[in-house]
Protein backbone atom coordinates (compact mmCIF):
# COMPACT_ATOMS: atom_id res chain seq x y z
CA MET A 1 0.14 -0.03 0.07
CA ILE A 2 1.23 3.60 -0.96
CA ASP A 3 1.10 5.63 2.25
CA HIS A 4 2.78 8.86 1.15
CA ALA A 5 0.72 12.08 0.22
CA ASN A 6 0.14 13.46 -3.29
CA VAL A 7 2.07 16.53 -2.12
CA ARG A 8 2.04 18.39 -5.78
CA LEU A 9 -1.84 17.65 -5.84
CA ALA A 10 -2.20 19.09 -2.21
CA ASP A 11 0.01 22.10 -3.13
CA LEU A 12 -2.06 22.99 -6.18
CA LEU A 13 -5.54 22.62 -4.41
CA ASP A 14 -4.15 24.44 -1.24
CA ARG A 15 -3.25 27.70 -3.35
CA ARG A 16 -6.92 28.05 -4.03
CA ALA A 17 -7.10 29.65 -0.50
CA ASP A 18 -4.60 32.54 -1.81
CA GLY A 19 -6.94 33.06 -4.84
CA HIS A 20 -4.80 31.18 -7.12
CA GLU A 21 -6.78 28.72 -9.47
CA PRO A 22 -4.71 25.92 -10.57
CA ALA A 23 -5.04 25.05 -14.23
CA PRO A 24 -7.27 21.87 -14.72
CA GLU A 25 -4.47 20.36 -16.72
CA ALA A 26 -1.95 20.70 -13.62
CA VAL A 27 -4.57 19.18 -11.25
CA LEU A 28 -4.96 16.17 -13.63
CA ALA A 29 -1.32 15.72 -14.23
CA ALA A 30 -0.87 15.67 -10.52
CA LEU A 31 -3.64 13.14 -10.07
CA PHE A 32 -2.07 11.02 -12.70
CA GLU A 33 1.25 11.07 -11.06
CA ALA A 34 0.41 10.13 -7.53
CA GLY A 35 -3.25 9.14 -7.28
CA LEU A 36 -5.64 9.85 -4.28
CA PHE A 37 -6.73 8.04 -1.32
CA VAL A 38 -10.38 6.98 -1.04
CA PRO A 39 -12.34 5.95 2.01
CA VAL A 40 -13.55 2.53 2.39
CA THR A 41 -16.01 0.37 4.43
CA GLY A 42 -15.11 -2.60 6.58
CA THR A 43 -15.92 -4.73 3.65
CA GLY A 44 -13.65 -3.11 1.35
CA SER A 45 -16.46 -1.21 -0.54
CA VAL A 46 -15.62 2.51 -1.71
CA THR A 47 -17.58 5.00 0.36
CA PHE A 48 -19.48 7.60 -1.63
CA LEU A 49 -20.97 10.96 -0.19
CA PRO A 50 -24.76 10.64 -0.67
CA ASP A 51 -26.61 13.91 -1.08
CA ASP A 52 -30.28 13.98 -1.42
CA GLU A 53 -29.96 16.97 -3.72
CA GLN A 54 -27.05 15.82 -5.86
CA ARG A 55 -25.66 12.68 -7.49
CA PRO A 56 -23.30 10.54 -5.17
CA THR A 57 -19.68 11.79 -4.92
CA LEU A 58 -16.59 9.69 -4.82
CA LEU A 59 -14.36 11.20 -2.21
CA GLY A 60 -10.57 11.45 -2.75
CA PHE A 61 -7.80 12.73 -0.44
CA THR A 62 -4.65 13.70 -1.11
CA ASP A 63 -3.37 12.15 2.23
CA ALA A 64 -4.37 8.86 3.91
CA ALA A 65 -4.04 10.59 7.30
CA LEU A 66 -6.28 13.48 6.25
CA GLY A 67 -8.99 11.21 4.97
CA ALA A 68 -9.03 9.45 8.10
CA ARG A 69 -9.22 12.58 10.18
CA LEU A 70 -11.94 14.28 8.39
CA LEU A 71 -13.84 10.82 7.60
CA PRO A 72 -13.53 8.89 10.85
CA ALA A 73 -16.48 6.73 9.95
CA ALA A 74 -14.46 5.23 7.21
CA ALA A 75 -12.84 1.70 7.83
CA GLY A 76 -9.69 2.82 6.03
CA MET A 77 -8.20 4.60 3.00
CA VAL A 78 -7.12 2.91 -0.16
CA HIS A 79 -4.82 4.43 -2.52
CA CYS A 80 -6.03 4.66 -6.03
CA ASP A 81 -3.85 5.68 -9.24
CA ALA A 82 -5.80 7.18 -11.96
CA VAL A 83 -6.79 3.97 -13.59
CA ARG A 84 -8.29 2.51 -10.54
CA LEU A 85 -10.45 5.95 -9.94
CA ARG A 86 -11.65 5.64 -13.61
CA ASP A 87 -12.63 2.11 -12.91
CA VAL A 88 -14.58 2.88 -9.89
CA LEU A 89 -16.29 5.96 -11.42
CA GLU A 90 -17.16 3.63 -14.48
CA SER A 91 -18.35 0.69 -12.63
CA THR A 92 -20.43 2.75 -10.26
CA GLY A 93 -21.85 5.44 -12.68
CA VAL A 94 -20.59 8.09 -10.14
CA ALA A 95 -19.86 11.24 -12.26
CA VAL A 96 -18.32 13.45 -9.47
CA LEU A 97 -15.02 13.24 -7.93
CA GLY A 98 -14.40 15.46 -4.93
CA VAL A 99 -11.08 15.91 -4.13
CA ARG A 100 -9.56 17.20 -0.60
CA SER A 101 -6.44 18.40 0.31
CA GLY A 102 -5.37 20.22 3.54
CA THR A 103 -7.49 23.46 3.14
CA THR A 104 -9.71 23.00 0.03
CA THR A 105 -12.02 20.81 -1.80
CA ARG A 106 -12.38 20.63 -5.76
CA SER A 107 -14.89 18.69 -7.61
CA THR A 108 -14.18 17.36 -11.25
């Protein structure tokens, strides 16, 4: 299991707090380089954020520890590279990926 953070992606997203909007290409490149951590249930199923007014969202965190801290109900965090994320999104039909770093959230 990969346990290191996607520092580049976190840096790009955290700059938004200072008013610097990262280029979508830079965000995608950082995502492809180091992936994300997604929350899972005790049975290993990916956890989605349901919302009565929106379609379900796949949550992704730039750091496993951050995900565990912000979503303590999850049984754990699993690292997903870009291919695995695409597979999860395609197999579940979920169209929204919410990415959380230290200070910001970005949906794609």
